[in-house]
Amino acid sequence: MKSRSSDSGFTLIELLIVMSIILILSAMSIAQYRNSVTLAKEAAVRSDLYLMRDAIDQYYADKGKYPESLQTLVSENYIRTIPKDPITNSTDSWTTEPAEPVPGSTSTDPGIYNVKSGAPGVGTDGSNYSDW
């Protein structure tokens, strides 16, 4: 009687189990990748906001008034360019908040004292992008 040891190979069940494990692992890695891209974009937005707010503060410390716009920070060399919002992929989506008018000041434009993201939606921490 011949032994079947020469008929080595994988059964259909073994192949299906291995393919199922590979599909599950790849689905988990794709979800993790998408989450890491979102987290990286949010970190970039927070960093850009910090740098622009710091530039506004430096402008105020140097000039004694707030800049009229973000473009003023670029033209006065406080920042090189207005950064692109990674969520909206645009430089025009930043929203600015005007400063409080100084009593007795003759200036009609008090300038901007804060900048926020204008991106719609909610971040991974549950807060609106527009609140950052």
N, C-alpha and C. Protein backbone atom coordinates (compact mmCIF):
# COMPACT_ATOMS: atom_id res chain seq x y z
N MET A 1 0.84 -1.16 0.00
CA MET A 1 0.00 0.00 0.00
C MET A 1 0.90 1.24 0.00
N LYS A 2 0.59 2.18 -0.86
CA LYS A 2 1.36 3.41 -1.00
C LYS A 2 0.92 4.46 0.02
N SER A 3 1.88 5.16 0.58
CA SER A 3 1.50 6.22 1.51
C SER A 3 1.22 7.50 0.73
N ARG A 4 0.46 8.37 1.30
CA ARG A 4 0.06 9.62 0.62
C ARG A 4 1.01 10.76 0.94
N SER A 5 2.15 10.49 1.48
CA SER A 5 3.08 11.55 1.84
C SER A 5 3.61 12.27 0.60
N SER A 6 3.57 11.65 -0.54
CA SER A 6 4.05 12.31 -1.75
C SER A 6 3.03 13.30 -2.29
N ASP A 7 1.81 13.25 -1.84
CA ASP A 7 0.76 14.16 -2.28
C ASP A 7 0.67 15.35 -1.33
N SER A 8 1.79 16.05 -1.13
CA SER A 8 1.77 17.18 -0.21
C SER A 8 1.15 18.39 -0.88
N GLY A 9 0.51 19.22 -0.09
CA GLY A 9 -0.13 20.43 -0.58
C GLY A 9 -1.07 20.97 0.48
N PHE A 10 -1.77 22.04 0.15
CA PHE A 10 -2.69 22.65 1.08
C PHE A 10 -4.12 22.29 0.71
N THR A 11 -4.92 22.12 1.70
CA THR A 11 -6.33 21.86 1.44
C THR A 11 -7.04 23.18 1.21
N LEU A 12 -8.21 23.11 0.67
CA LEU A 12 -9.00 24.31 0.39
C LEU A 12 -9.32 25.05 1.69
N ILE A 13 -9.61 24.33 2.74
CA ILE A 13 -9.92 24.95 4.04
C ILE A 13 -8.70 25.72 4.55
N GLU A 14 -7.53 25.17 4.45
CA GLU A 14 -6.31 25.86 4.91
C GLU A 14 -6.07 27.13 4.12
N LEU A 15 -6.26 27.08 2.82
CA LEU A 15 -6.09 28.27 1.99
C LEU A 15 -7.12 29.34 2.34
N LEU A 16 -8.35 28.94 2.57
CA LEU A 16 -9.39 29.92 2.93
C LEU A 16 -9.10 30.57 4.28
N ILE A 17 -8.60 29.80 5.23
CA ILE A 17 -8.27 30.36 6.54
C ILE A 17 -7.13 31.37 6.42
N VAL A 18 -6.10 31.04 5.68
CA VAL A 18 -4.97 31.95 5.49
C VAL A 18 -5.41 33.22 4.77
N MET A 19 -6.23 33.08 3.73
CA MET A 19 -6.72 34.25 3.00
C MET A 19 -7.59 35.13 3.89
N SER A 20 -8.40 34.52 4.76
CA SER A 20 -9.23 35.29 5.68
C SER A 20 -8.38 36.08 6.67
N ILE A 21 -7.34 35.47 7.18
CA ILE A 21 -6.45 36.16 8.11
C ILE A 21 -5.76 37.33 7.41
N ILE A 22 -5.32 37.14 6.19
CA ILE A 22 -4.66 38.22 5.44
C ILE A 22 -5.64 39.36 5.19
N LEU A 23 -6.89 39.06 4.83
CA LEU A 23 -7.89 40.11 4.60
C LEU A 23 -8.19 40.88 5.88
N ILE A 24 -8.30 40.20 6.99
CA ILE A 24 -8.58 40.87 8.27
C ILE A 24 -7.43 41.80 8.64
N LEU A 25 -6.20 41.31 8.51
CA LEU A 25 -5.04 42.14 8.85
C LEU A 25 -4.92 43.35 7.92
N SER A 26 -5.19 43.16 6.63
CA SER A 26 -5.09 44.29 5.70
C SER A 26 -6.19 45.32 5.97
N ALA A 27 -7.39 44.87 6.33
CA ALA A 27 -8.47 45.81 6.65
C ALA A 27 -8.12 46.63 7.89
N MET A 28 -7.51 46.00 8.88
CA MET A 28 -7.11 46.72 10.08
C MET A 28 -6.00 47.73 9.78
N SER A 29 -5.08 47.37 8.92
CA SER A 29 -3.98 48.30 8.60
C SER A 29 -4.47 49.48 7.78
N ILE A 30 -5.44 49.28 6.90
CA ILE A 30 -5.99 50.40 6.13
C ILE A 30 -6.70 51.38 7.04
N ALA A 31 -7.48 50.87 7.99
CA ALA A 31 -8.17 51.76 8.94
C ALA A 31 -7.16 52.54 9.78
N GLN A 32 -6.11 51.88 10.21
CA GLN A 32 -5.08 52.56 11.01
C GLN A 32 -4.36 53.62 10.18
N TYR A 33 -4.11 53.32 8.91
CA TYR A 33 -3.44 54.28 8.02
C TYR A 33 -4.30 55.53 7.85
N ARG A 34 -5.58 55.35 7.60
CA ARG A 34 -6.47 56.51 7.42
C ARG A 34 -6.52 57.36 8.69
N ASN A 35 -6.55 56.72 9.83
CA ASN A 35 -6.58 57.44 11.09
C ASN A 35 -5.27 58.21 11.29
N SER A 36 -4.15 57.62 10.93
CA SER A 36 -2.87 58.31 11.11
C SER A 36 -2.74 59.51 10.17
N VAL A 37 -3.32 59.43 8.97
CA VAL A 37 -3.30 60.58 8.06
C VAL A 37 -4.12 61.72 8.64
N THR A 38 -5.28 61.40 9.19
CA THR A 38 -6.12 62.43 9.80
C THR A 38 -5.42 63.07 11.00
N LEU A 39 -4.81 62.25 11.83
CA LEU A 39 -4.09 62.79 12.99
C LEU A 39 -2.92 63.68 12.56
N ALA A 40 -2.24 63.31 11.49
CA ALA A 40 -1.12 64.13 11.00
C ALA A 40 -1.63 65.48 10.48
N LYS A 41 -2.75 65.48 9.77
CA LYS A 41 -3.32 66.74 9.28
C LYS A 41 -3.73 67.64 10.44
N GLU A 42 -4.34 67.04 11.45
CA GLU A 42 -4.77 67.83 12.61
C GLU A 42 -3.57 68.40 13.37
N ALA A 43 -2.51 67.64 13.46
CA ALA A 43 -1.30 68.14 14.12
C ALA A 43 -0.70 69.30 13.32
N ALA A 44 -0.75 69.20 12.00
CA ALA A 44 -0.23 70.28 11.15
C ALA A 44 -1.08 71.55 11.31
N VAL A 45 -2.40 71.39 11.41
CA VAL A 45 -3.27 72.56 11.60
C VAL A 45 -2.94 73.24 12.93
N ARG A 46 -2.81 72.45 13.98
CA ARG A 46 -2.50 73.03 15.29
C ARG A 46 -1.14 73.75 15.29
N SER A 47 -0.18 73.16 14.61
CA SER A 47 1.13 73.78 14.52
C SER A 47 1.07 75.09 13.74
N ASP A 48 0.36 75.08 12.61
CA ASP A 48 0.23 76.30 11.80
C ASP A 48 -0.48 77.40 12.59
N LEU A 49 -1.53 77.03 13.32
CA LEU A 49 -2.24 78.02 14.13
C LEU A 49 -1.32 78.60 15.20
N TYR A 50 -0.53 77.75 15.83
CA TYR A 50 0.39 78.23 16.87
C TYR A 50 1.39 79.22 16.27
N LEU A 51 1.94 78.90 15.11
CA LEU A 51 2.94 79.78 14.49
C LEU A 51 2.33 81.11 14.05
N MET A 52 1.12 81.08 13.49
CA MET A 52 0.49 82.33 13.07
C MET A 52 0.11 83.19 14.28
N ARG A 53 -0.39 82.55 15.33
CA ARG A 53 -0.73 83.31 16.54
C ARG A 53 0.51 83.91 17.18
N ASP A 54 1.61 83.16 17.15
CA ASP A 54 2.86 83.68 17.68
C ASP A 54 3.34 84.88 16.85
N ALA A 55 3.19 84.79 15.53
CA ALA A 55 3.58 85.91 14.66
C ALA A 55 2.72 87.13 14.94
N ILE A 56 1.42 86.94 15.19
CA ILE A 56 0.53 88.06 15.53
C ILE A 56 0.99 88.71 16.84
N ASP A 57 1.35 87.88 17.81
CA ASP A 57 1.83 88.42 19.09
C ASP A 57 3.14 89.18 18.93
N GLN A 58 4.04 88.66 18.12
CA GLN A 58 5.32 89.34 17.87
C GLN A 58 5.09 90.67 17.15
N TYR A 59 4.17 90.68 16.18
CA TYR A 59 3.84 91.91 15.47
C TYR A 59 3.32 92.95 16.45
N TYR A 60 2.42 92.52 17.35
CA TYR A 60 1.86 93.45 18.33
C TYR A 60 2.94 93.97 19.27
N ALA A 61 3.84 93.09 19.69
CA ALA A 61 4.91 93.52 20.59
C ALA A 61 5.84 94.52 19.91
N ASP A 62 6.08 94.34 18.61
CA ASP A 62 6.98 95.24 17.89
C ASP A 62 6.32 96.56 17.51
N LYS A 63 5.08 96.52 17.05
CA LYS A 63 4.44 97.70 16.47
C LYS A 63 3.44 98.38 17.41
N GLY A 64 3.02 97.67 18.46
CA GLY A 64 2.03 98.25 19.36
C GLY A 64 0.62 98.22 18.82
N LYS A 65 0.39 97.50 17.75
CA LYS A 65 -0.94 97.34 17.17
C LYS A 65 -1.00 95.97 16.51
N TYR A 66 -2.23 95.52 16.26
CA TYR A 66 -2.40 94.22 15.62
C TYR A 66 -2.33 94.37 14.10
N PRO A 67 -1.92 93.32 13.39
CA PRO A 67 -1.85 93.40 11.92
C PRO A 67 -3.25 93.49 11.32
N GLU A 68 -3.33 94.14 10.16
CA GLU A 68 -4.62 94.30 9.49
C GLU A 68 -5.12 92.98 8.92
N SER A 69 -4.20 92.11 8.50
CA SER A 69 -4.57 90.82 7.90
C SER A 69 -3.40 89.86 8.04
N LEU A 70 -3.63 88.62 7.65
CA LEU A 70 -2.53 87.65 7.64
C LEU A 70 -1.50 88.02 6.58
N GLN A 71 -1.95 88.63 5.51
CA GLN A 71 -1.03 89.04 4.45
C GLN A 71 -0.06 90.11 4.97
N THR A 72 -0.47 90.90 5.94
CA THR A 72 0.43 91.89 6.54
C THR A 72 1.60 91.19 7.22
N LEU A 73 1.33 90.06 7.86
CA LEU A 73 2.41 89.30 8.50
C LEU A 73 3.42 88.82 7.48
N VAL A 74 2.95 88.49 6.29
CA VAL A 74 3.86 88.04 5.22
C VAL A 74 4.65 89.23 4.68
N SER A 75 3.98 90.33 4.41
CA SER A 75 4.67 91.48 3.83
C SER A 75 5.66 92.12 4.81
N GLU A 76 5.42 91.97 6.11
CA GLU A 76 6.33 92.52 7.12
C GLU A 76 7.36 91.48 7.59
N ASN A 77 7.40 90.34 6.94
CA ASN A 77 8.37 89.26 7.19
C ASN A 77 8.26 88.63 8.58
N TYR A 78 7.06 88.54 9.10
CA TYR A 78 6.85 87.81 10.35
C TYR A 78 6.63 86.33 10.08
N ILE A 79 6.06 86.01 8.91
CA ILE A 79 5.98 84.65 8.41
C ILE A 79 6.31 84.69 6.93
N ARG A 80 6.80 83.58 6.41
CA ARG A 80 7.19 83.56 4.98
C ARG A 80 5.99 83.56 4.07
N THR A 81 5.05 82.67 4.33
CA THR A 81 3.82 82.60 3.55
C THR A 81 2.69 82.23 4.49
N ILE A 82 1.48 82.48 4.04
CA ILE A 82 0.32 82.01 4.79
C ILE A 82 0.25 80.50 4.55
N PRO A 83 0.28 79.71 5.60
CA PRO A 83 0.29 78.26 5.40
C PRO A 83 -1.03 77.76 4.82
N LYS A 84 -0.94 76.65 4.13
CA LYS A 84 -2.12 76.01 3.57
C LYS A 84 -2.77 75.16 4.66
N ASP A 85 -4.05 75.34 4.85
CA ASP A 85 -4.78 74.53 5.83
C ASP A 85 -4.82 73.09 5.31
N PRO A 86 -4.23 72.14 6.03
CA PRO A 86 -4.18 70.77 5.53
C PRO A 86 -5.55 70.10 5.41
N ILE A 87 -6.52 70.57 6.15
CA ILE A 87 -7.85 69.97 6.08
C ILE A 87 -8.57 70.43 4.82
N THR A 88 -8.54 71.72 4.53
CA THR A 88 -9.24 72.26 3.36
C THR A 88 -8.32 72.36 2.14
N ASN A 89 -7.02 72.23 2.36
CA ASN A 89 -6.03 72.35 1.29
C ASN A 89 -6.09 73.72 0.61
N SER A 90 -6.30 74.76 1.42
CA SER A 90 -6.42 76.12 0.90
C SER A 90 -5.82 77.11 1.90
N THR A 91 -5.30 78.21 1.38
CA THR A 91 -4.80 79.27 2.26
C THR A 91 -5.90 80.28 2.59
N ASP A 92 -7.03 80.19 1.90
CA ASP A 92 -8.12 81.15 2.09
C ASP A 92 -9.12 80.74 3.15
N SER A 93 -8.96 79.57 3.75
CA SER A 93 -9.97 79.09 4.68
C SER A 93 -9.72 79.53 6.12
N TRP A 94 -8.59 80.16 6.40
CA TRP A 94 -8.34 80.64 7.77
C TRP A 94 -9.32 81.75 8.09
N THR A 95 -9.89 81.73 9.28
CA THR A 95 -10.78 82.80 9.71
C THR A 95 -10.07 83.61 10.79
N THR A 96 -10.24 84.91 10.72
CA THR A 96 -9.57 85.80 11.67
C THR A 96 -10.60 86.45 12.57
N GLU A 97 -10.17 86.78 13.77
CA GLU A 97 -11.02 87.48 14.73
C GLU A 97 -10.46 88.88 14.95
N PRO A 98 -11.31 89.88 14.83
CA PRO A 98 -10.82 91.25 15.01
C PRO A 98 -10.50 91.54 16.46
N ALA A 99 -9.54 92.42 16.64
CA ALA A 99 -9.18 92.85 17.99
C ALA A 99 -10.20 93.86 18.49
N GLU A 100 -10.25 94.00 19.79
CA GLU A 100 -11.13 95.01 20.39
C GLU A 100 -10.55 96.39 20.09
N PRO A 101 -11.40 97.33 19.70
CA PRO A 101 -10.89 98.69 19.45
C PRO A 101 -10.34 99.32 20.73
N VAL A 102 -9.23 99.99 20.59
CA VAL A 102 -8.61 100.67 21.72
C VAL A 102 -9.34 101.99 21.95
N PRO A 103 -9.79 102.26 23.18
CA PRO A 103 -10.48 103.54 23.44
C PRO A 103 -9.56 104.72 23.16
N GLY A 104 -10.08 105.69 22.44
CA GLY A 104 -9.32 106.89 22.12
C GLY A 104 -8.47 106.75 20.87
N SER A 105 -8.48 105.58 20.25
CA SER A 105 -7.69 105.37 19.05
C SER A 105 -8.44 105.92 17.85
N THR A 106 -7.70 106.50 16.90
CA THR A 106 -8.31 107.06 15.70
C THR A 106 -8.38 106.03 14.58
N SER A 107 -7.78 104.87 14.78
CA SER A 107 -7.77 103.83 13.75
C SER A 107 -9.15 103.20 13.65
N THR A 108 -9.64 103.08 12.41
CA THR A 108 -10.94 102.46 12.19
C THR A 108 -10.83 100.94 12.14
N ASP A 109 -9.63 100.43 11.84
CA ASP A 109 -9.42 98.99 11.76
C ASP A 109 -8.51 98.55 12.90
N PRO A 110 -9.07 97.88 13.92
CA PRO A 110 -8.23 97.50 15.05
C PRO A 110 -7.27 96.35 14.73
N GLY A 111 -7.45 95.67 13.62
CA GLY A 111 -6.57 94.57 13.24
C GLY A 111 -7.11 93.24 13.72
N ILE A 112 -6.31 92.21 13.54
CA ILE A 112 -6.72 90.87 13.95
C ILE A 112 -5.86 90.41 15.12
N TYR A 113 -6.48 89.75 16.06
CA TYR A 113 -5.71 89.26 17.21
C TYR A 113 -5.71 87.75 17.30
N ASN A 114 -6.53 87.08 16.48
CA ASN A 114 -6.58 85.62 16.54
C ASN A 114 -6.91 85.07 15.16
N VAL A 115 -6.46 83.86 14.93
CA VAL A 115 -6.76 83.16 13.68
C VAL A 115 -7.22 81.75 14.04
N LYS A 116 -8.20 81.25 13.29
CA LYS A 116 -8.74 79.91 13.52
C LYS A 116 -8.88 79.19 12.19
N SER A 117 -9.03 77.89 12.29
CA SER A 117 -9.23 77.11 11.08
C SER A 117 -10.66 77.30 10.61
N GLY A 118 -10.83 77.42 9.31
CA GLY A 118 -12.17 77.54 8.74
C GLY A 118 -12.68 76.23 8.19
N ALA A 119 -12.01 75.14 8.52
CA ALA A 119 -12.40 73.83 7.99
C ALA A 119 -13.70 73.37 8.64
N PRO A 120 -14.60 72.82 7.83
CA PRO A 120 -15.82 72.26 8.40
C PRO A 120 -15.53 70.89 9.03
N GLY A 121 -16.34 70.50 9.96
CA GLY A 121 -16.20 69.16 10.51
C GLY A 121 -15.69 69.14 11.93
N VAL A 122 -15.52 67.92 12.41
CA VAL A 122 -15.12 67.68 13.78
C VAL A 122 -13.82 66.90 13.78
N GLY A 123 -12.92 67.27 14.67
CA GLY A 123 -11.64 66.59 14.80
C GLY A 123 -11.76 65.28 15.53
N THR A 124 -10.68 64.56 15.60
CA THR A 124 -10.68 63.26 16.28
C THR A 124 -10.88 63.40 17.78
N ASP A 125 -10.64 64.59 18.33
CA ASP A 125 -10.87 64.80 19.76
C ASP A 125 -12.31 65.22 20.07
N GLY A 126 -13.14 65.36 19.03
CA GLY A 126 -14.55 65.70 19.22
C GLY A 126 -14.86 67.17 19.13
N SER A 127 -13.86 68.02 19.01
CA SER A 127 -14.11 69.46 18.91
C SER A 127 -14.17 69.89 17.44
N ASN A 128 -14.88 70.97 17.19
CA ASN A 128 -14.98 71.49 15.82
C ASN A 128 -13.64 72.08 15.40
N TYR A 129 -13.31 71.90 14.13
CA TYR A 129 -12.08 72.50 13.61
C TYR A 129 -12.14 74.02 13.74
N SER A 130 -13.33 74.59 13.60
CA SER A 130 -13.45 76.04 13.65
C SER A 130 -13.24 76.60 15.06
N ASP A 131 -13.21 75.74 16.07
CA ASP A 131 -12.97 76.19 17.45
C ASP A 131 -11.49 76.20 17.82
N TRP A 132 -10.65 75.71 16.96
CA TRP A 132 -9.22 75.59 17.30
C TRP A 132 -8.56 76.90 17.24
